[in-house]
């Protein structure tokens, strides 16, 4: 399935302060867009609005013409994969369980869940710690769990917020390669990053 994610004239204001104003963006299947800017420029807020995690103060977000909002229908929301800042993982669950939950939510058959999760963790080099509790993993390992979770559903849109922040050079390269591979397979990928190597790997750059 092809995908075109569009944000039009987006505005976000909180506590009387305007974080984003008049931002428009479009990314299509097969493309990687880097969102670049200093801390506080609104990168995380923009990704949250593009993924329907929060509503913009003004403007609209659509995916293939369908409005993307926090109240969007489940089928639309399942088209997104996220690497959240802070990861959004559950400390009391294992690495395997944290990745499996999105497949279970999508009603993937139980037998298929295990094999797909194992494959996803293997791709981020975490198969040996699949049954370890998340709280026992390092920050870099947790970040790779979040990447595995974002990619395991083969989502049409992947929104990744600083997905390499906790990683060494070798694992940064691995994550960039996996996100690029997902885009080339047909996803629209948006990456918020300070990392110049990540930005250079993308097809387009939006500066905030």
N, C-alpha and C. Protein backbone atom coordinates (compact mmCIF):
# COMPACT_ATOMS: atom_id res chain seq x y z
N UNK A 1 0.84 -1.20 0.00
CA UNK A 1 0.00 0.00 0.00
C UNK A 1 0.88 1.24 0.00
N UNK A 2 0.58 2.19 -0.91
CA UNK A 2 1.31 3.45 -0.91
C UNK A 2 0.72 4.37 0.16
N UNK A 3 1.51 5.36 0.55
CA UNK A 3 1.06 6.28 1.60
C UNK A 3 1.60 7.67 1.31
N UNK A 4 0.76 8.66 1.55
CA UNK A 4 1.19 10.06 1.50
C UNK A 4 0.71 10.73 2.78
N UNK A 5 1.67 11.12 3.61
CA UNK A 5 1.37 11.79 4.87
C UNK A 5 1.57 13.29 4.67
N UNK A 6 0.53 14.07 5.00
CA UNK A 6 0.56 15.50 4.74
C UNK A 6 0.16 16.28 5.98
N UNK A 7 0.98 17.23 6.36
CA UNK A 7 0.63 18.19 7.41
C UNK A 7 0.51 19.56 6.78
N UNK A 8 -0.61 20.23 6.98
CA UNK A 8 -0.88 21.50 6.31
C UNK A 8 -1.07 22.62 7.32
N UNK A 9 -0.20 23.63 7.23
CA UNK A 9 -0.30 24.84 8.04
C UNK A 9 -0.46 24.52 9.53
N UNK A 10 0.41 23.65 10.02
CA UNK A 10 0.29 23.18 11.41
C UNK A 10 0.75 24.24 12.40
N UNK A 11 -0.01 24.34 13.46
CA UNK A 11 0.29 25.28 14.54
C UNK A 11 0.11 24.56 15.87
N UNK A 12 1.01 24.84 16.81
CA UNK A 12 0.86 24.24 18.14
C UNK A 12 1.25 25.26 19.19
N UNK A 13 0.31 25.53 20.06
CA UNK A 13 0.51 26.51 21.14
C UNK A 13 0.22 25.85 22.47
N UNK A 14 1.09 26.06 23.45
CA UNK A 14 0.86 25.51 24.78
C UNK A 14 1.30 26.53 25.81
N UNK A 15 0.45 26.72 26.82
CA UNK A 15 0.77 27.66 27.88
C UNK A 15 1.01 29.07 27.38
N UNK A 16 0.31 29.45 26.32
CA UNK A 16 0.49 30.78 25.76
C UNK A 16 1.71 30.94 24.88
N UNK A 17 2.47 29.87 24.71
CA UNK A 17 3.69 29.92 23.89
C UNK A 17 3.46 29.15 22.60
N UNK A 18 3.79 29.76 21.48
CA UNK A 18 3.66 29.11 20.18
C UNK A 18 4.92 28.31 19.88
N UNK A 19 4.77 26.99 19.77
CA UNK A 19 5.90 26.11 19.49
C UNK A 19 6.13 25.98 17.99
N UNK A 20 5.03 25.80 17.27
CA UNK A 20 5.08 25.67 15.80
C UNK A 20 4.02 26.58 15.22
N UNK A 21 4.32 27.16 14.07
CA UNK A 21 3.35 28.05 13.45
C UNK A 21 3.52 28.01 11.93
N UNK A 22 2.48 27.58 11.23
CA UNK A 22 2.50 27.59 9.77
C UNK A 22 3.42 26.56 9.15
N UNK A 23 3.58 25.41 9.79
CA UNK A 23 4.48 24.37 9.27
C UNK A 23 3.68 23.42 8.37
N UNK A 24 4.16 23.26 7.14
CA UNK A 24 3.55 22.31 6.20
C UNK A 24 4.60 21.31 5.76
N UNK A 25 4.19 20.06 5.64
CA UNK A 25 5.13 19.00 5.32
C UNK A 25 4.41 17.89 4.57
N UNK A 26 5.10 17.24 3.66
CA UNK A 26 4.53 16.07 2.99
C UNK A 26 5.64 15.05 2.75
N UNK A 27 5.34 13.80 3.04
CA UNK A 27 6.29 12.72 2.79
C UNK A 27 5.51 11.54 2.23
N UNK A 28 6.04 10.94 1.17
CA UNK A 28 5.36 9.86 0.47
C UNK A 28 6.09 8.54 0.65
N UNK A 29 5.43 7.47 0.29
CA UNK A 29 6.03 6.14 0.34
C UNK A 29 7.40 6.13 -0.34
N UNK A 30 8.32 5.44 0.29
CA UNK A 30 9.64 5.31 -0.29
C UNK A 30 10.61 6.41 0.05
N UNK A 31 10.17 7.39 0.84
CA UNK A 31 10.99 8.55 1.14
C UNK A 31 11.27 8.66 2.63
N UNK A 32 12.45 9.21 2.94
CA UNK A 32 12.81 9.53 4.32
C UNK A 32 12.93 11.04 4.45
N UNK A 33 12.23 11.59 5.41
CA UNK A 33 12.29 13.02 5.71
C UNK A 33 12.95 13.21 7.07
N UNK A 34 14.00 14.03 7.12
CA UNK A 34 14.62 14.39 8.38
C UNK A 34 14.02 15.70 8.87
N UNK A 35 13.68 15.74 10.15
CA UNK A 35 13.24 16.98 10.79
C UNK A 35 14.37 17.42 11.71
N UNK A 36 14.91 18.57 11.42
CA UNK A 36 16.10 19.05 12.12
C UNK A 36 15.83 20.39 12.79
N UNK A 37 16.43 20.59 13.95
CA UNK A 37 16.27 21.87 14.64
C UNK A 37 16.79 21.77 16.06
N UNK A 38 17.05 22.91 16.70
CA UNK A 38 17.57 22.90 18.07
C UNK A 38 16.53 22.38 19.06
N UNK A 39 16.99 22.04 20.23
CA UNK A 39 16.06 21.62 21.29
C UNK A 39 15.04 22.71 21.54
N UNK A 40 13.76 22.31 21.64
CA UNK A 40 12.70 23.27 21.87
C UNK A 40 12.09 23.84 20.60
N UNK A 41 12.59 23.39 19.44
CA UNK A 41 12.09 23.94 18.18
C UNK A 41 10.78 23.28 17.74
N UNK A 42 10.38 22.21 18.41
CA UNK A 42 9.10 21.59 18.10
C UNK A 42 9.16 20.29 17.32
N UNK A 43 10.33 19.68 17.24
CA UNK A 43 10.47 18.43 16.49
C UNK A 43 9.55 17.34 17.03
N UNK A 44 9.60 17.12 18.34
CA UNK A 44 8.78 16.07 18.94
C UNK A 44 7.29 16.39 18.81
N UNK A 45 6.95 17.65 18.98
CA UNK A 45 5.54 18.05 18.83
C UNK A 45 5.05 17.80 17.41
N UNK A 46 5.89 18.11 16.43
CA UNK A 46 5.49 17.89 15.04
C UNK A 46 5.26 16.41 14.78
N UNK A 47 6.16 15.55 15.24
CA UNK A 47 5.97 14.11 15.02
C UNK A 47 4.72 13.61 15.72
N UNK A 48 4.46 14.11 16.93
CA UNK A 48 3.27 13.69 17.66
C UNK A 48 1.99 14.09 16.92
N UNK A 49 1.99 15.26 16.30
CA UNK A 49 0.82 15.68 15.53
C UNK A 49 0.69 14.87 14.24
N UNK A 50 1.82 14.62 13.57
CA UNK A 50 1.77 13.85 12.33
C UNK A 50 1.26 12.43 12.58
N UNK A 51 1.52 11.90 13.78
CA UNK A 51 1.07 10.54 14.09
C UNK A 51 -0.26 10.48 14.80
N UNK A 52 -0.91 11.62 15.01
CA UNK A 52 -2.20 11.62 15.68
C UNK A 52 -2.13 11.38 17.16
N UNK A 53 -0.96 11.56 17.76
CA UNK A 53 -0.83 11.38 19.20
C UNK A 53 -1.33 12.60 19.96
N UNK A 54 -1.32 13.75 19.29
CA UNK A 54 -1.92 14.95 19.87
C UNK A 54 -2.46 15.81 18.73
N UNK A 55 -3.44 16.62 19.07
CA UNK A 55 -4.09 17.45 18.06
C UNK A 55 -3.35 18.77 17.91
N UNK A 56 -3.18 19.26 16.67
CA UNK A 56 -2.59 20.58 16.50
C UNK A 56 -3.55 21.68 16.96
N UNK A 57 -3.01 22.81 17.35
CA UNK A 57 -3.84 23.96 17.67
C UNK A 57 -4.52 24.49 16.40
N UNK A 58 -3.82 24.36 15.28
CA UNK A 58 -4.37 24.76 14.00
C UNK A 58 -3.78 23.92 12.90
N UNK A 59 -4.46 23.84 11.75
CA UNK A 59 -3.98 23.05 10.64
C UNK A 59 -4.49 21.62 10.69
N UNK A 60 -4.12 20.85 9.69
CA UNK A 60 -4.62 19.47 9.57
C UNK A 60 -3.51 18.51 9.20
N UNK A 61 -3.71 17.25 9.58
CA UNK A 61 -2.84 16.16 9.16
C UNK A 61 -3.71 15.12 8.47
N UNK A 62 -3.26 14.63 7.32
CA UNK A 62 -3.99 13.58 6.62
C UNK A 62 -3.03 12.48 6.19
N UNK A 63 -3.54 11.29 6.11
CA UNK A 63 -2.83 10.15 5.52
C UNK A 63 -3.70 9.63 4.39
N UNK A 64 -3.23 9.80 3.18
CA UNK A 64 -4.00 9.43 2.00
C UNK A 64 -5.40 10.07 2.02
N UNK A 65 -5.45 11.31 2.47
CA UNK A 65 -6.70 12.07 2.48
C UNK A 65 -7.55 11.89 3.72
N UNK A 66 -7.27 10.90 4.56
CA UNK A 66 -8.03 10.66 5.79
C UNK A 66 -7.43 11.48 6.93
N UNK A 67 -8.29 12.17 7.69
CA UNK A 67 -7.81 13.00 8.79
C UNK A 67 -7.15 12.15 9.87
N UNK A 68 -5.98 12.58 10.29
CA UNK A 68 -5.23 11.93 11.36
C UNK A 68 -5.40 12.76 12.62
N UNK A 69 -6.07 12.19 13.62
CA UNK A 69 -6.32 12.87 14.89
C UNK A 69 -6.22 11.84 16.01
N UNK A 70 -6.18 12.28 17.27
CA UNK A 70 -6.20 11.30 18.37
C UNK A 70 -7.45 10.43 18.37
N UNK A 71 -8.52 10.89 17.72
CA UNK A 71 -9.77 10.12 17.68
C UNK A 71 -9.94 9.34 16.37
N UNK A 72 -8.88 9.26 15.57
CA UNK A 72 -8.98 8.55 14.29
C UNK A 72 -9.31 7.08 14.52
N UNK A 73 -9.91 6.44 13.53
CA UNK A 73 -10.32 5.05 13.70
C UNK A 73 -9.10 4.14 13.80
N UNK A 74 -9.33 2.98 14.37
CA UNK A 74 -8.25 2.05 14.68
C UNK A 74 -7.49 1.62 13.44
N UNK A 75 -8.19 1.39 12.36
CA UNK A 75 -7.52 0.94 11.13
C UNK A 75 -6.50 1.96 10.66
N UNK A 76 -6.84 3.24 10.77
CA UNK A 76 -5.90 4.29 10.38
C UNK A 76 -4.72 4.35 11.33
N UNK A 77 -4.99 4.28 12.62
CA UNK A 77 -3.90 4.37 13.61
C UNK A 77 -2.93 3.20 13.49
N UNK A 78 -3.43 2.04 13.06
CA UNK A 78 -2.56 0.88 12.91
C UNK A 78 -1.60 1.00 11.73
N UNK A 79 -1.76 2.01 10.92
CA UNK A 79 -0.86 2.21 9.79
C UNK A 79 0.43 2.92 10.21
N UNK A 80 0.51 3.32 11.48
CA UNK A 80 1.66 4.06 11.98
C UNK A 80 2.53 3.18 12.88
N UNK A 81 3.84 3.39 12.78
CA UNK A 81 4.79 2.83 13.73
C UNK A 81 5.59 3.98 14.35
N UNK A 82 5.88 3.88 15.65
CA UNK A 82 6.51 5.00 16.37
C UNK A 82 7.77 4.56 17.10
N UNK A 83 8.79 5.40 17.03
CA UNK A 83 9.89 5.36 18.00
C UNK A 83 9.77 6.66 18.78
N UNK A 84 9.27 6.57 19.99
CA UNK A 84 8.98 7.76 20.79
C UNK A 84 10.20 8.22 21.56
N UNK A 85 10.27 9.52 21.82
CA UNK A 85 11.30 10.03 22.72
C UNK A 85 10.97 9.48 24.11
N UNK A 86 11.94 8.85 24.75
CA UNK A 86 11.66 8.16 26.01
C UNK A 86 11.18 6.75 25.78
N UNK A 87 11.01 6.38 24.50
CA UNK A 87 10.74 5.02 24.03
C UNK A 87 9.31 4.55 24.20
N UNK A 88 8.60 4.95 25.26
CA UNK A 88 7.22 4.53 25.44
C UNK A 88 7.07 3.04 25.68
N UNK A 89 8.07 2.43 26.29
CA UNK A 89 8.05 1.00 26.57
C UNK A 89 7.61 0.76 28.02
N UNK A 90 7.33 -0.50 28.34
CA UNK A 90 6.85 -0.86 29.68
C UNK A 90 7.97 -1.58 30.42
N UNK A 91 8.45 -0.99 31.50
CA UNK A 91 9.61 -1.51 32.22
C UNK A 91 9.38 -2.90 32.78
N UNK A 92 8.14 -3.22 33.15
CA UNK A 92 7.84 -4.50 33.79
C UNK A 92 7.67 -5.64 32.80
N UNK A 93 7.75 -5.35 31.50
CA UNK A 93 7.64 -6.38 30.47
C UNK A 93 9.02 -6.70 29.90
N UNK A 94 9.15 -7.87 29.30
CA UNK A 94 10.40 -8.23 28.63
C UNK A 94 10.52 -7.50 27.30
N UNK A 95 11.70 -7.55 26.73
CA UNK A 95 11.90 -6.97 25.40
C UNK A 95 10.93 -7.61 24.40
N UNK A 96 10.80 -8.92 24.46
CA UNK A 96 9.89 -9.64 23.57
C UNK A 96 8.45 -9.16 23.75
N UNK A 97 8.01 -9.05 24.98
CA UNK A 97 6.64 -8.63 25.25
C UNK A 97 6.37 -7.20 24.79
N UNK A 98 7.36 -6.32 24.93
CA UNK A 98 7.18 -4.93 24.50
C UNK A 98 6.99 -4.84 22.99
N UNK A 99 7.62 -5.70 22.24
CA UNK A 99 7.44 -5.70 20.79
C UNK A 99 6.16 -6.44 20.40
N UNK A 100 5.86 -7.51 21.12
CA UNK A 100 4.69 -8.34 20.79
C UNK A 100 3.38 -7.59 20.95
N UNK A 101 3.33 -6.63 21.86
CA UNK A 101 2.06 -5.98 22.19
C UNK A 101 1.43 -5.31 20.97
N UNK A 102 2.25 -4.75 20.06
CA UNK A 102 1.65 -4.08 18.90
C UNK A 102 1.08 -5.09 17.91
N UNK A 103 1.68 -6.26 17.84
CA UNK A 103 1.13 -7.30 16.97
C UNK A 103 -0.14 -7.89 17.56
N UNK A 104 -0.17 -8.03 18.88
CA UNK A 104 -1.38 -8.53 19.53
C UNK A 104 -2.52 -7.55 19.36
N UNK A 105 -2.21 -6.24 19.44
CA UNK A 105 -3.22 -5.22 19.23
C UNK A 105 -3.77 -5.28 17.81
N UNK A 106 -2.91 -5.65 16.86
CA UNK A 106 -3.34 -5.76 15.47
C UNK A 106 -3.99 -7.11 15.17
N UNK A 107 -4.17 -7.93 16.21
CA UNK A 107 -4.85 -9.23 16.10
C UNK A 107 -4.11 -10.19 15.17
N UNK A 108 -2.79 -10.11 15.20
CA UNK A 108 -1.97 -11.08 14.48
C UNK A 108 -2.06 -12.43 15.21
N UNK A 109 -2.21 -13.55 14.49
CA UNK A 109 -2.32 -14.86 15.15
C UNK A 109 -1.15 -15.13 16.09
N UNK A 110 -1.46 -15.75 17.22
CA UNK A 110 -0.48 -15.93 18.29
C UNK A 110 0.79 -16.63 17.79
N UNK A 111 0.66 -17.66 16.99
CA UNK A 111 1.83 -18.37 16.49
C UNK A 111 2.72 -17.50 15.63
N UNK A 112 2.13 -16.59 14.91
CA UNK A 112 2.89 -15.69 14.05
C UNK A 112 3.57 -14.59 14.85
N UNK A 113 2.95 -14.21 15.97
CA UNK A 113 3.52 -13.14 16.79
C UNK A 113 4.93 -13.50 17.24
N UNK A 114 5.10 -14.69 17.79
CA UNK A 114 6.41 -15.08 18.32
C UNK A 114 7.49 -15.04 17.25
N UNK A 115 7.22 -15.59 16.09
CA UNK A 115 8.24 -15.63 15.05
C UNK A 115 8.57 -14.23 14.54
N UNK A 116 7.57 -13.38 14.42
CA UNK A 116 7.82 -12.03 13.93
C UNK A 116 8.58 -11.19 14.94
N UNK A 117 8.26 -11.36 16.22
CA UNK A 117 8.99 -10.62 17.26
C UNK A 117 10.45 -11.08 17.31
N UNK A 118 10.65 -12.39 17.25
CA UNK A 118 12.02 -12.91 17.29
C UNK A 118 12.84 -12.36 16.12
N UNK A 119 12.23 -12.31 14.95
CA UNK A 119 12.93 -11.80 13.77
C UNK A 119 13.24 -10.31 13.93
N UNK A 120 12.29 -9.54 14.48
CA UNK A 120 12.50 -8.11 14.67
C UNK A 120 13.62 -7.84 15.67
N UNK A 121 13.65 -8.58 16.77
CA UNK A 121 14.71 -8.39 17.76
C UNK A 121 16.06 -8.85 17.23
N UNK A 122 16.05 -9.87 16.43
CA UNK A 122 17.30 -10.33 15.82
C UNK A 122 17.87 -9.25 14.91
N UNK A 123 17.03 -8.55 14.19
CA UNK A 123 17.50 -7.53 13.26
C UNK A 123 18.13 -6.34 13.98
N UNK A 124 17.73 -6.09 15.21
CA UNK A 124 18.36 -5.02 15.99
C UNK A 124 19.39 -5.58 16.98
N UNK A 125 19.77 -6.83 16.76
CA UNK A 125 20.84 -7.49 17.53
C UNK A 125 20.49 -7.65 19.00
N UNK A 126 19.23 -7.97 19.27
CA UNK A 126 18.80 -8.14 20.66
C UNK A 126 18.20 -9.51 20.93
N UNK A 127 18.32 -10.43 20.01
CA UNK A 127 17.76 -11.76 20.23
C UNK A 127 18.24 -12.40 21.54
N UNK A 128 19.53 -12.23 21.92
CA UNK A 128 19.99 -12.86 23.16
C UNK A 128 19.33 -12.32 24.43
N UNK A 129 18.73 -11.12 24.37
CA UNK A 129 18.13 -10.55 25.58
C UNK A 129 16.61 -10.43 25.44
N UNK A 130 16.03 -11.19 24.54
CA UNK A 130 14.59 -11.10 24.27
C UNK A 130 13.74 -11.32 25.50
N UNK A 131 14.17 -12.20 26.40
CA UNK A 131 13.37 -12.52 27.58
C UNK A 131 13.81 -11.73 28.82
N UNK A 132 14.69 -10.77 28.64
CA UNK A 132 15.10 -9.92 29.76
C UNK A 132 14.07 -8.82 29.98
N UNK A 133 13.82 -8.48 31.24
CA UNK A 133 12.95 -7.35 31.53
C UNK A 133 13.56 -6.07 30.98
N UNK A 134 12.71 -5.21 30.50
CA UNK A 134 13.20 -3.96 29.92
C UNK A 134 14.04 -3.17 30.90
N UNK A 135 13.64 -3.18 32.18
CA UNK A 135 14.36 -2.39 33.19
C UNK A 135 15.78 -2.90 33.42
N UNK A 136 16.07 -4.10 32.94
CA UNK A 136 17.41 -4.66 33.07
C UNK A 136 18.30 -4.36 31.86
N UNK A 137 17.75 -3.70 30.86
CA UNK A 137 18.51 -3.40 29.65
C UNK A 137 19.11 -1.99 29.72
N UNK A 138 20.18 -1.78 28.98
CA UNK A 138 20.79 -0.45 28.90
C UNK A 138 19.90 0.49 28.09
N UNK A 139 20.21 1.78 28.17
CA UNK A 139 19.44 2.76 27.40
C UNK A 139 19.50 2.48 25.91
N UNK A 140 20.69 2.12 25.42
CA UNK A 140 20.83 1.82 24.00
C UNK A 140 20.04 0.59 23.59
N UNK A 141 20.03 -0.42 24.45
CA UNK A 141 19.24 -1.62 24.15
C UNK A 141 17.75 -1.30 24.15
N UNK A 142 17.30 -0.50 25.11
CA UNK A 142 15.89 -0.10 25.13
C UNK A 142 15.51 0.65 23.86
N UNK A 143 16.41 1.50 23.41
CA UNK A 143 16.12 2.25 22.18
C UNK A 143 15.97 1.31 21.00
N UNK A 144 16.79 0.28 20.93
CA UNK A 144 16.67 -0.69 19.84
C UNK A 144 15.40 -1.53 19.95
N UNK A 145 14.94 -1.79 21.19
CA UNK A 145 13.64 -2.45 21.36
C UNK A 145 12.55 -1.58 20.75
N UNK A 146 12.62 -0.26 21.00
CA UNK A 146 11.63 0.65 20.45
C UNK A 146 11.66 0.65 18.92
N UNK A 147 12.84 0.56 18.34
CA UNK A 147 12.96 0.50 16.88
C UNK A 147 12.35 -0.80 16.36
N UNK A 148 12.63 -1.91 17.03
CA UNK A 148 12.04 -3.19 16.63
C UNK A 148 10.53 -3.14 16.68
N UNK A 149 9.99 -2.51 17.73
CA UNK A 149 8.54 -2.39 17.86
C UNK A 149 7.95 -1.55 16.73
N UNK A 150 8.63 -0.48 16.35
CA UNK A 150 8.13 0.39 15.28
C UNK A 150 8.11 -0.31 13.93
N UNK A 151 9.04 -1.23 13.73
CA UNK A 151 9.19 -1.87 12.42
C UNK A 151 8.47 -3.21 12.30
N UNK A 152 8.10 -3.82 13.40
CA UNK A 152 7.61 -5.20 13.36
C UNK A 152 6.28 -5.34 12.63
N UNK A 153 5.48 -4.28 12.58
CA UNK A 153 4.19 -4.36 11.90
C UNK A 153 4.27 -4.02 10.42
N UNK A 154 5.48 -3.65 9.93
CA UNK A 154 5.63 -3.19 8.55
C UNK A 154 4.66 -2.03 8.27
N UNK A 155 4.66 -1.05 9.16
CA UNK A 155 3.73 0.07 9.09
C UNK A 155 3.95 0.89 7.82
N UNK A 156 2.87 1.52 7.36
CA UNK A 156 2.94 2.38 6.18
C UNK A 156 3.68 3.69 6.46
N UNK A 157 3.62 4.14 7.72
CA UNK A 157 4.30 5.36 8.14
C UNK A 157 5.11 5.05 9.39
N UNK A 158 6.37 5.43 9.40
CA UNK A 158 7.21 5.28 10.59
C UNK A 158 7.68 6.66 11.02
N UNK A 159 7.38 7.02 12.27
CA UNK A 159 7.78 8.30 12.84
C UNK A 159 8.77 8.01 13.97
N UNK A 160 10.00 8.47 13.79
CA UNK A 160 11.07 8.12 14.72
C UNK A 160 11.66 9.39 15.33
N UNK A 161 11.54 9.51 16.64
CA UNK A 161 12.00 10.70 17.36
C UNK A 161 13.36 10.40 18.00
N UNK A 162 14.42 10.98 17.43
CA UNK A 162 15.79 10.77 17.91
C UNK A 162 16.10 9.28 18.10
N UNK A 163 15.94 8.47 17.05
CA UNK A 163 16.07 7.02 17.22
C UNK A 163 17.49 6.52 17.44
N UNK A 164 18.49 7.40 17.32
CA UNK A 164 19.88 6.96 17.50
C UNK A 164 20.56 7.64 18.68
N UNK A 165 19.81 8.37 19.49
CA UNK A 165 20.41 9.22 20.53
C UNK A 165 21.27 8.46 21.52
N UNK A 166 20.90 7.21 21.85
CA UNK A 166 21.61 6.46 22.89
C UNK A 166 22.57 5.42 22.32
N UNK A 167 22.81 5.46 21.00
CA UNK A 167 23.52 4.37 20.36
C UNK A 167 24.96 4.72 20.00
N UNK A 168 25.81 3.68 19.99
CA UNK A 168 27.17 3.87 19.50
C UNK A 168 27.15 3.90 17.97
N UNK A 169 28.30 4.17 17.36
CA UNK A 169 28.36 4.37 15.91
C UNK A 169 27.88 3.15 15.15
N UNK A 170 28.24 1.96 15.61
CA UNK A 170 27.85 0.74 14.92
C UNK A 170 26.34 0.56 14.91
N UNK A 171 25.72 0.74 16.07
CA UNK A 171 24.27 0.57 16.15
C UNK A 171 23.51 1.74 15.54
N UNK A 172 24.10 2.93 15.54
CA UNK A 172 23.48 4.05 14.80
C UNK A 172 23.37 3.69 13.32
N UNK A 173 24.46 3.16 12.77
CA UNK A 173 24.43 2.76 11.37
C UNK A 173 23.40 1.68 11.10
N UNK A 174 23.26 0.74 12.04
CA UNK A 174 22.27 -0.32 11.89
C UNK A 174 20.86 0.25 11.85
N UNK A 175 20.53 1.15 12.77
CA UNK A 175 19.18 1.71 12.84
C UNK A 175 18.87 2.53 11.59
N UNK A 176 19.84 3.34 11.15
CA UNK A 176 19.62 4.12 9.92
C UNK A 176 19.39 3.19 8.74
N UNK A 177 20.15 2.10 8.69
CA UNK A 177 19.97 1.13 7.60
C UNK A 177 18.59 0.50 7.63
N UNK A 178 18.10 0.15 8.82
CA UNK A 178 16.78 -0.47 8.94
C UNK A 178 15.66 0.51 8.57
N UNK A 179 15.79 1.77 8.98
CA UNK A 179 14.78 2.76 8.62
C UNK A 179 14.79 3.05 7.13
N UNK A 180 15.99 3.09 6.55
CA UNK A 180 16.10 3.28 5.10
C UNK A 180 15.49 2.10 4.35
N UNK A 181 15.77 0.91 4.84
CA UNK A 181 15.20 -0.30 4.23
C UNK A 181 13.68 -0.28 4.28
N UNK A 182 13.13 0.18 5.40
CA UNK A 182 11.66 0.25 5.52
C UNK A 182 11.09 1.25 4.52
N UNK A 183 11.76 2.37 4.35
CA UNK A 183 11.30 3.35 3.37
C UNK A 183 11.36 2.77 1.96
N UNK A 184 12.46 2.13 1.63
CA UNK A 184 12.60 1.58 0.28
C UNK A 184 11.59 0.46 0.02
N UNK A 185 11.08 -0.13 1.09
CA UNK A 185 10.04 -1.15 0.95
C UNK A 185 8.65 -0.54 0.80
N UNK A 186 8.56 0.80 0.92
CA UNK A 186 7.29 1.45 0.65
C UNK A 186 6.71 2.31 1.75
N UNK A 187 7.41 2.44 2.87
CA UNK A 187 6.90 3.27 3.96
C UNK A 187 7.29 4.73 3.76
N UNK A 188 6.51 5.62 4.34
CA UNK A 188 6.88 7.02 4.48
C UNK A 188 7.52 7.16 5.86
N UNK A 189 8.76 7.62 5.91
CA UNK A 189 9.53 7.64 7.16
C UNK A 189 9.92 9.07 7.50
N UNK A 190 9.62 9.48 8.73
CA UNK A 190 10.01 10.80 9.22
C UNK A 190 10.88 10.60 10.46
N UNK A 191 12.06 11.22 10.45
CA UNK A 191 13.01 11.06 11.54
C UNK A 191 13.38 12.43 12.09
N UNK A 192 13.10 12.66 13.36
CA UNK A 192 13.58 13.86 14.04
C UNK A 192 14.95 13.54 14.62
N UNK A 193 15.95 14.36 14.27
CA UNK A 193 17.29 14.00 14.72
C UNK A 193 18.22 15.21 14.73
N UNK A 194 19.15 15.19 15.71
CA UNK A 194 20.27 16.14 15.74
C UNK A 194 21.48 15.56 15.03
N UNK A 195 21.46 14.27 14.74
CA UNK A 195 22.63 13.54 14.25
C UNK A 195 22.86 13.84 12.77
N UNK A 196 23.97 14.48 12.41
CA UNK A 196 24.20 14.82 11.01
C UNK A 196 24.28 13.60 10.09
N UNK A 197 24.76 12.48 10.60
CA UNK A 197 24.82 11.28 9.77
C UNK A 197 23.42 10.76 9.45
N UNK A 198 22.51 10.87 10.41
CA UNK A 198 21.13 10.47 10.17
C UNK A 198 20.49 11.39 9.15
N UNK A 199 20.68 12.69 9.35
CA UNK A 199 20.10 13.68 8.44
C UNK A 199 20.63 13.47 7.02
N UNK A 200 21.92 13.22 6.89
CA UNK A 200 22.52 13.03 5.57
C UNK A 200 21.98 11.80 4.86
N UNK A 201 21.50 10.81 5.62
CA UNK A 201 20.97 9.59 5.03
C UNK A 201 19.56 9.75 4.49
N UNK A 202 18.91 10.86 4.84
CA UNK A 202 17.52 11.08 4.42
C UNK A 202 17.45 11.74 3.05
N UNK A 203 16.28 11.60 2.42
CA UNK A 203 16.07 12.16 1.09
C UNK A 203 15.78 13.65 1.13
N UNK A 204 15.14 14.11 2.19
CA UNK A 204 14.74 15.50 2.32
C UNK A 204 14.93 15.94 3.76
N UNK A 205 15.06 17.26 3.95
CA UNK A 205 15.26 17.81 5.29
C UNK A 205 14.29 18.96 5.52
N UNK A 206 13.62 18.93 6.67
CA UNK A 206 12.78 20.05 7.11
C UNK A 206 13.48 20.68 8.30
N UNK A 207 13.85 21.96 8.19
CA UNK A 207 14.50 22.67 9.27
C UNK A 207 13.46 23.45 10.06
N UNK A 208 13.48 23.28 11.39
CA UNK A 208 12.60 24.04 12.27
C UNK A 208 13.41 25.09 13.02
